[in-house]
Amino acid sequence: MSHIPHISYVHECTYTYLLFSHMIYLSSVPELDTHLHTYLFIRMSVELYEIK
């Protein structure tokens, strides 16, 4: 059971990294691409949350 907190921690870090990447990406792409990337980001976030 001791590995479970570690797995959760990894997911937290991954989520934080994705959020950070997403913010950088949004600041450097044309508005047309923003909607698609936001959709993909939200989808990945939901999948990460479900894994937890």
PDB file of N, CA and C in Angstrom:
ATOM      1  N   MET A   1       0.820  -1.214   0.000  1.00  0.00           N
ATOM      2  CA  MET A   1       0.000   0.000   0.000  1.00  0.00           C
ATOM      3  C   MET A   1       0.854   1.264   0.000  1.00  0.00           C
ATOM      4  N   SER A   2       2.103   1.144   0.332  1.00  0.00           N
ATOM      5  CA  SER A   2       2.940   2.334   0.474  1.00  0.00           C
ATOM      6  C   SER A   2       3.211   3.034  -0.858  1.00  0.00           C
ATOM      7  N   HIS A   3       2.993   2.329  -1.971  1.00  0.00           N
ATOM      8  CA  HIS A   3       3.268   2.945  -3.265  1.00  0.00           C
ATOM      9  C   HIS A   3       2.136   3.866  -3.721  1.00  0.00           C
ATOM     10  N   ILE A   4       0.964   3.750  -3.134  1.00  0.00           N
ATOM     11  CA  ILE A   4      -0.184   4.547  -3.571  1.00  0.00           C
ATOM     12  C   ILE A   4       0.042   6.057  -3.400  1.00  0.00           C
ATOM     13  N   PRO A   5       0.521   6.529  -2.251  1.00  0.00           N
ATOM     14  CA  PRO A   5       0.783   7.971  -2.131  1.00  0.00           C
ATOM     15  C   PRO A   5       1.777   8.451  -3.181  1.00  0.00           C
ATOM     16  N   HIS A   6       2.764   7.617  -3.475  1.00  0.00           N
ATOM     17  CA  HIS A   6       3.762   8.004  -4.470  1.00  0.00           C
ATOM     18  C   HIS A   6       3.107   8.178  -5.840  1.00  0.00           C
ATOM     19  N   ILE A   7       2.227   7.261  -6.197  1.00  0.00           N
ATOM     20  CA  ILE A   7       1.532   7.351  -7.479  1.00  0.00           C
ATOM     21  C   ILE A   7       0.701   8.633  -7.529  1.00  0.00           C
ATOM     22  N   SER A   8       0.003   8.933  -6.460  1.00  0.00           N
ATOM     23  CA  SER A   8      -0.784  10.160  -6.409  1.00  0.00           C
ATOM     24  C   SER A   8       0.118  11.370  -6.576  1.00  0.00           C
ATOM     25  N   TYR A   9       1.264  11.334  -5.944  1.00  0.00           N
ATOM     26  CA  TYR A   9       2.220  12.439  -6.037  1.00  0.00           C
ATOM     27  C   TYR A   9       2.677  12.625  -7.479  1.00  0.00           C
ATOM     28  N   VAL A  10       2.951  11.530  -8.154  1.00  0.00           N
ATOM     29  CA  VAL A  10       3.371  11.602  -9.554  1.00  0.00           C
ATOM     30  C   VAL A  10       2.274  12.237 -10.404  1.00  0.00           C
ATOM     31  N   HIS A  11       1.026  11.865 -10.167  1.00  0.00           N
ATOM     32  CA  HIS A  11      -0.079  12.446 -10.917  1.00  0.00           C
ATOM     33  C   HIS A  11      -0.198  13.938 -10.634  1.00  0.00           C
ATOM     34  N   GLU A  12       0.004  14.326  -9.382  1.00  0.00           N
ATOM     35  CA  GLU A  12      -0.047  15.749  -9.024  1.00  0.00           C
ATOM     36  C   GLU A  12       1.024  16.514  -9.791  1.00  0.00           C
ATOM     37  N   CYS A  13       2.218  15.956  -9.821  1.00  0.00           N
ATOM     38  CA  CYS A  13       3.321  16.610 -10.523  1.00  0.00           C
ATOM     39  C   CYS A  13       3.044  16.687 -12.019  1.00  0.00           C
ATOM     40  N   THR A  14       2.521  15.613 -12.565  1.00  0.00           N
ATOM     41  CA  THR A  14       2.204  15.586 -13.989  1.00  0.00           C
ATOM     42  C   THR A  14       1.152  16.629 -14.317  1.00  0.00           C
ATOM     43  N   TYR A  15       0.131  16.721 -13.478  1.00  0.00           N
ATOM     44  CA  TYR A  15      -0.931  17.693 -13.684  1.00  0.00           C
ATOM     45  C   TYR A  15      -0.375  19.108 -13.618  1.00  0.00           C
ATOM     46  N   THR A  16       0.472  19.371 -12.636  1.00  0.00           N
ATOM     47  CA  THR A  16       1.077  20.697 -12.493  1.00  0.00           C
ATOM     48  C   THR A  16       1.908  21.025 -13.722  1.00  0.00           C
ATOM     49  N   TYR A  17       2.666  20.053 -14.191  1.00  0.00           N
ATOM     50  CA  TYR A  17       3.495  20.248 -15.375  1.00  0.00           C
ATOM     51  C   TYR A  17       2.635  20.554 -16.600  1.00  0.00           C
ATOM     52  N   LEU A  18       1.555  19.802 -16.766  1.00  0.00           N
ATOM     53  CA  LEU A  18       0.659  20.027 -17.895  1.00  0.00           C
ATOM     54  C   LEU A  18       0.040  21.411 -17.830  1.00  0.00           C
ATOM     55  N   LEU A  19      -0.359  21.809 -16.629  1.00  0.00           N
ATOM     56  CA  LEU A  19      -0.956  23.127 -16.463  1.00  0.00           C
ATOM     57  C   LEU A  19       0.041  24.211 -16.850  1.00  0.00           C
ATOM     58  N   PHE A  20       1.256  24.073 -16.389  1.00  0.00           N
ATOM     59  CA  PHE A  20       2.308  25.040 -16.683  1.00  0.00           C
ATOM     60  C   PHE A  20       2.582  25.086 -18.187  1.00  0.00           C
ATOM     61  N   SER A  21       2.700  23.916 -18.809  1.00  0.00           N
ATOM     62  CA  SER A  21       2.941  23.834 -20.249  1.00  0.00           C
ATOM     63  C   SER A  21       1.802  24.480 -21.016  1.00  0.00           C
ATOM     64  N   HIS A  22       0.600  24.218 -20.553  1.00  0.00           N
ATOM     65  CA  HIS A  22      -0.591  24.758 -21.188  1.00  0.00           C
ATOM     66  C   HIS A  22      -0.571  26.285 -21.171  1.00  0.00           C
ATOM     67  N   MET A  23      -0.204  26.866 -20.048  1.00  0.00           N
ATOM     68  CA  MET A  23      -0.157  28.322 -19.923  1.00  0.00           C
ATOM     69  C   MET A  23       0.883  28.914 -20.865  1.00  0.00           C
ATOM     70  N   ILE A  24       2.032  28.264 -20.950  1.00  0.00           N
ATOM     71  CA  ILE A  24       3.080  28.736 -21.855  1.00  0.00           C
ATOM     72  C   ILE A  24       2.608  28.611 -23.301  1.00  0.00           C
ATOM     73  N   TYR A  25       1.992  27.487 -23.604  1.00  0.00           N
ATOM     74  CA  TYR A  25       1.500  27.239 -24.958  1.00  0.00           C
ATOM     75  C   TYR A  25       0.482  28.298 -25.361  1.00  0.00           C
ATOM     76  N   LEU A  26      -0.442  28.606 -24.468  1.00  0.00           N
ATOM     77  CA  LEU A  26      -1.473  29.592 -24.766  1.00  0.00           C
ATOM     78  C   LEU A  26      -0.878  30.961 -25.040  1.00  0.00           C
ATOM     79  N   SER A  27       0.225  31.268 -24.400  1.00  0.00           N
ATOM     80  CA  SER A  27       0.822  32.582 -24.576  1.00  0.00           C
ATOM     81  C   SER A  27       1.634  32.681 -25.864  1.00  0.00           C
ATOM     82  N   SER A  28       1.808  31.557 -26.562  1.00  0.00           N
ATOM     83  CA  SER A  28       2.669  31.576 -27.746  1.00  0.00           C
ATOM     84  C   SER A  28       2.015  31.061 -29.028  1.00  0.00           C
ATOM     85  N   VAL A  29       0.717  30.811 -29.006  1.00  0.00           N
ATOM     86  CA  VAL A  29       0.056  30.310 -30.215  1.00  0.00           C
ATOM     87  C   VAL A  29      -1.034  31.271 -30.680  1.00  0.00           C
ATOM     88  N   PRO A  30      -1.383  31.186 -31.957  1.00  0.00           N
ATOM     89  CA  PRO A  30      -2.504  31.988 -32.467  1.00  0.00           C
ATOM     90  C   PRO A  30      -3.806  31.567 -31.792  1.00  0.00           C
ATOM     91  N   GLU A  31      -4.753  32.452 -31.750  1.00  0.00           N
ATOM     92  CA  GLU A  31      -6.021  32.156 -31.081  1.00  0.00           C
ATOM     93  C   GLU A  31      -6.764  30.980 -31.710  1.00  0.00           C
ATOM     94  N   LEU A  32      -6.576  30.774 -32.989  1.00  0.00           N
ATOM     95  CA  LEU A  32      -7.275  29.677 -33.657  1.00  0.00           C
ATOM     96  C   LEU A  32      -6.910  28.316 -33.061  1.00  0.00           C
ATOM     97  N   ASP A  33      -5.668  28.169 -32.631  1.00  0.00           N
ATOM     98  CA  ASP A  33      -5.223  26.887 -32.083  1.00  0.00           C
ATOM     99  C   ASP A  33      -5.592  26.713 -30.614  1.00  0.00           C
ATOM    100  N   THR A  34      -5.916  27.800 -29.965  1.00  0.00           N
ATOM    101  CA  THR A  34      -6.146  27.763 -28.522  1.00  0.00           C
ATOM    102  C   THR A  34      -7.301  26.857 -28.136  1.00  0.00           C
ATOM    103  N   HIS A  35      -8.387  26.922 -28.885  1.00  0.00           N
ATOM    104  CA  HIS A  35      -9.567  26.139 -28.523  1.00  0.00           C
ATOM    105  C   HIS A  35      -9.272  24.642 -28.546  1.00  0.00           C
ATOM    106  N   LEU A  36      -8.624  24.183 -29.589  1.00  0.00           N
ATOM    107  CA  LEU A  36      -8.302  22.761 -29.706  1.00  0.00           C
ATOM    108  C   LEU A  36      -7.386  22.315 -28.573  1.00  0.00           C
ATOM    109  N   HIS A  37      -6.376  23.101 -28.297  1.00  0.00           N
ATOM    110  CA  HIS A  37      -5.439  22.724 -27.243  1.00  0.00           C
ATOM    111  C   HIS A  37      -6.122  22.710 -25.883  1.00  0.00           C
ATOM    112  N   THR A  38      -6.996  23.655 -25.649  1.00  0.00           N
ATOM    113  CA  THR A  38      -7.729  23.696 -24.382  1.00  0.00           C
ATOM    114  C   THR A  38      -8.585  22.444 -24.243  1.00  0.00           C
ATOM    115  N   TYR A  39      -9.217  22.051 -25.336  1.00  0.00           N
ATOM    116  CA  TYR A  39     -10.042  20.843 -25.316  1.00  0.00           C
ATOM    117  C   TYR A  39      -9.199  19.619 -24.965  1.00  0.00           C
ATOM    118  N   LEU A  40      -8.048  19.488 -25.600  1.00  0.00           N
ATOM    119  CA  LEU A  40      -7.168  18.351 -25.330  1.00  0.00           C
ATOM    120  C   LEU A  40      -6.672  18.383 -23.896  1.00  0.00           C
ATOM    121  N   PHE A  41      -6.347  19.571 -23.422  1.00  0.00           N
ATOM    122  CA  PHE A  41      -5.853  19.714 -22.051  1.00  0.00           C
ATOM    123  C   PHE A  41      -6.911  19.292 -21.043  1.00  0.00           C
ATOM    124  N   ILE A  42      -8.135  19.733 -21.259  1.00  0.00           N
ATOM    125  CA  ILE A  42      -9.228  19.373 -20.346  1.00  0.00           C
ATOM    126  C   ILE A  42      -9.449  17.865 -20.370  1.00  0.00           C
ATOM    127  N   ARG A  43      -9.377  17.283 -21.548  1.00  0.00           N
ATOM    128  CA  ARG A  43      -9.558  15.840 -21.666  1.00  0.00           C
ATOM    129  C   ARG A  43      -8.475  15.084 -20.904  1.00  0.00           C
ATOM    130  N   MET A  44      -7.242  15.522 -21.039  1.00  0.00           N
ATOM    131  CA  MET A  44      -6.139  14.881 -20.328  1.00  0.00           C
ATOM    132  C   MET A  44      -6.302  15.046 -18.824  1.00  0.00           C
ATOM    133  N   SER A  45      -6.755  16.215 -18.412  1.00  0.00           N
ATOM    134  CA  SER A  45      -6.954  16.481 -16.985  1.00  0.00           C
ATOM    135  C   SER A  45      -8.004  15.546 -16.410  1.00  0.00           C
ATOM    136  N   VAL A  46      -9.079  15.348 -17.147  1.00  0.00           N
ATOM    137  CA  VAL A  46     -10.148  14.462 -16.690  1.00  0.00           C
ATOM    138  C   VAL A  46      -9.625  13.034 -16.575  1.00  0.00           C
ATOM    139  N   GLU A  47      -8.843  12.608 -17.557  1.00  0.00           N
ATOM    140  CA  GLU A  47      -8.288  11.257 -17.515  1.00  0.00           C
ATOM    141  C   GLU A  47      -7.347  11.098 -16.319  1.00  0.00           C
ATOM    142  N   LEU A  48      -6.539  12.098 -16.061  1.00  0.00           N
ATOM    143  CA  LEU A  48      -5.633  12.046 -14.905  1.00  0.00           C
ATOM    144  C   LEU A  48      -6.432  11.950 -13.615  1.00  0.00           C
ATOM    145  N   TYR A  49      -7.477  12.731 -13.552  1.00  0.00           N
ATOM    146  CA  TYR A  49      -8.303  12.741 -12.343  1.00  0.00           C
ATOM    147  C   TYR A  49      -8.947  11.372 -12.119  1.00  0.00           C
ATOM    148  N   GLU A  50      -9.390  10.748 -13.199  1.00  0.00           N
ATOM    149  CA  GLU A  50     -10.032   9.438 -13.089  1.00  0.00           C
ATOM    150  C   GLU A  50      -9.034   8.372 -12.650  1.00  0.00           C
ATOM    151  N   ILE A  51      -7.792   8.497 -13.050  1.00  0.00           N
ATOM    152  CA  ILE A  51      -6.762   7.539 -12.640  1.00  0.00           C
ATOM    153  C   ILE A  51      -6.587   7.598 -11.129  1.00  0.00           C
ATOM    154  N   LYS A  52      -6.623   8.790 -10.588  1.00  0.00           N
ATOM    155  CA  LYS A  52      -6.508   8.954  -9.136  1.00  0.00           C
ATOM    156  C   LYS A  52      -7.649   8.231  -8.479  1.00  0.00           C
TER     157      LYS A  52
END
